[in-house]
Amino acid sequence: MLTVAILAVLITMVLALVRAFSGRPSVYDRLVAANLCGTKTVLLIALGGYSLQWHSFLDIALLYAMVNFVGTIAVMRFFEYSDAAEETDTGGSV
């Protein structure tokens, strides 16, 4: 059953990567897909650590989750401020 759960997580990660790279999604769609891959990586670390009987797998999974969260917020702030700078640059000129 644990193998099926790991395979399901891997399949959803592949689907998120396909969504990120296919077509013309917006920057925010790609950011959500990257965040989804990070979240699924946390699940994969937890499942793999449990199946391999590592003692500190939850510590590593939680640390990765915090890095994923902070990275996502940082990238969102970057795009928020770059979009605001573009609007003031193009909006003020006639």
Protein backbone atom coordinates (compact mmCIF):
# COMPACT_ATOMS: atom_id res chain seq x y z
CA MET A 1 0.00 0.00 0.00
CA LEU A 2 2.89 2.33 0.75
CA THR A 3 4.29 1.75 -2.74
CA VAL A 4 0.97 2.73 -4.28
CA ALA A 5 0.95 5.96 -2.26
CA ILE A 6 4.50 6.79 -3.40
CA LEU A 7 3.56 6.11 -7.02
CA ALA A 8 0.45 8.30 -6.69
CA VAL A 9 2.57 11.17 -5.33
CA LEU A 10 5.06 10.77 -8.19
CA ILE A 11 2.26 10.78 -10.78
CA THR A 12 0.78 13.98 -9.35
CA MET A 13 4.24 15.57 -9.41
CA VAL A 14 4.60 14.69 -13.08
CA LEU A 15 1.16 16.12 -13.81
CA ALA A 16 2.10 19.36 -12.04
CA LEU A 17 5.30 19.60 -14.08
CA VAL A 18 3.34 19.00 -17.29
CA ARG A 19 1.00 21.83 -16.29
CA ALA A 20 3.93 24.11 -15.57
CA PHE A 21 5.68 23.50 -18.88
CA SER A 22 2.81 22.99 -21.32
CA GLY A 23 0.85 25.62 -23.12
CA ARG A 24 0.93 29.25 -22.05
CA PRO A 25 0.08 29.34 -18.37
CA SER A 26 0.56 32.57 -16.51
CA VAL A 27 3.40 33.16 -14.08
CA TYR A 28 1.07 32.49 -11.18
CA ASP A 29 -0.04 29.15 -12.67
CA ARG A 30 3.60 28.13 -12.92
CA LEU A 31 4.23 29.29 -9.37
CA VAL A 32 1.33 27.19 -8.09
CA ALA A 33 2.63 24.18 -10.03
CA ALA A 34 6.11 24.67 -8.53
CA ASN A 35 4.60 25.00 -5.05
CA LEU A 36 2.60 21.83 -5.66
CA CYS A 37 5.81 20.00 -6.60
CA GLY A 38 7.39 21.22 -3.37
CA THR A 39 4.43 20.04 -1.33
CA LYS A 40 4.45 16.66 -3.03
CA THR A 41 8.19 16.43 -2.34
CA VAL A 42 7.45 16.86 1.37
CA LEU A 43 4.94 14.00 1.13
CA LEU A 44 7.47 11.91 -0.78
CA ILE A 45 10.14 12.50 1.87
CA ALA A 46 7.66 11.51 4.59
CA LEU A 47 6.52 8.35 2.81
CA GLY A 48 10.02 7.35 1.77
CA GLY A 49 11.41 7.99 5.22
CA TYR A 50 8.69 5.91 6.80
CA SER A 51 9.20 3.04 4.38
CA LEU A 52 13.00 3.08 4.83
CA GLN A 53 12.60 3.47 8.62
CA TRP A 54 14.69 6.62 8.93
CA HIS A 55 14.53 8.20 12.36
CA SER A 56 14.54 11.87 11.40
CA PHE A 57 12.50 11.87 8.19
CA LEU A 58 9.79 14.12 9.63
CA ASP A 59 12.36 16.73 10.67
CA ILE A 60 13.71 16.83 7.13
CA ALA A 61 10.20 16.96 5.64
CA LEU A 62 9.22 19.86 7.93
CA LEU A 63 12.41 21.74 7.13
CA TYR A 64 11.78 21.31 3.40
CA ALA A 65 8.18 22.47 3.86
CA MET A 66 9.37 25.66 5.57
CA VAL A 67 11.93 26.34 2.83
CA ASN A 68 9.25 25.72 0.19
CA PHE A 69 6.85 28.13 1.91
CA VAL A 70 9.42 30.91 2.34
CA GLY A 71 10.60 30.47 -1.25
CA THR A 72 7.08 30.66 -2.62
CA ILE A 73 6.34 33.82 -0.64
CA ALA A 74 9.61 35.38 -1.82
CA VAL A 75 8.90 34.63 -5.48
CA MET A 76 5.32 35.93 -5.15
CA ARG A 77 6.60 39.18 -3.62
CA PHE A 78 9.14 39.51 -6.44
CA PHE A 79 6.47 39.17 -9.11
CA GLU A 80 4.09 41.44 -7.19
CA TYR A 81 6.63 44.26 -7.01
CA SER A 82 7.86 43.77 -10.59
CA ASP A 83 4.24 43.94 -11.86
CA ALA A 84 3.65 47.11 -9.84
CA ALA A 85 6.83 48.68 -11.24
CA GLU A 86 5.72 47.87 -14.81
CA GLU A 87 2.32 49.45 -14.25
CA THR A 88 3.78 52.69 -12.93
CA ASP A 89 6.33 52.83 -15.77
CA THR A 90 3.79 52.29 -18.57
CA GLY A 91 0.83 54.01 -16.91
CA GLY A 92 2.53 57.36 -16.39
CA SER A 93 3.82 57.87 -19.94
CA VAL A 94 1.64 59.37 -22.65
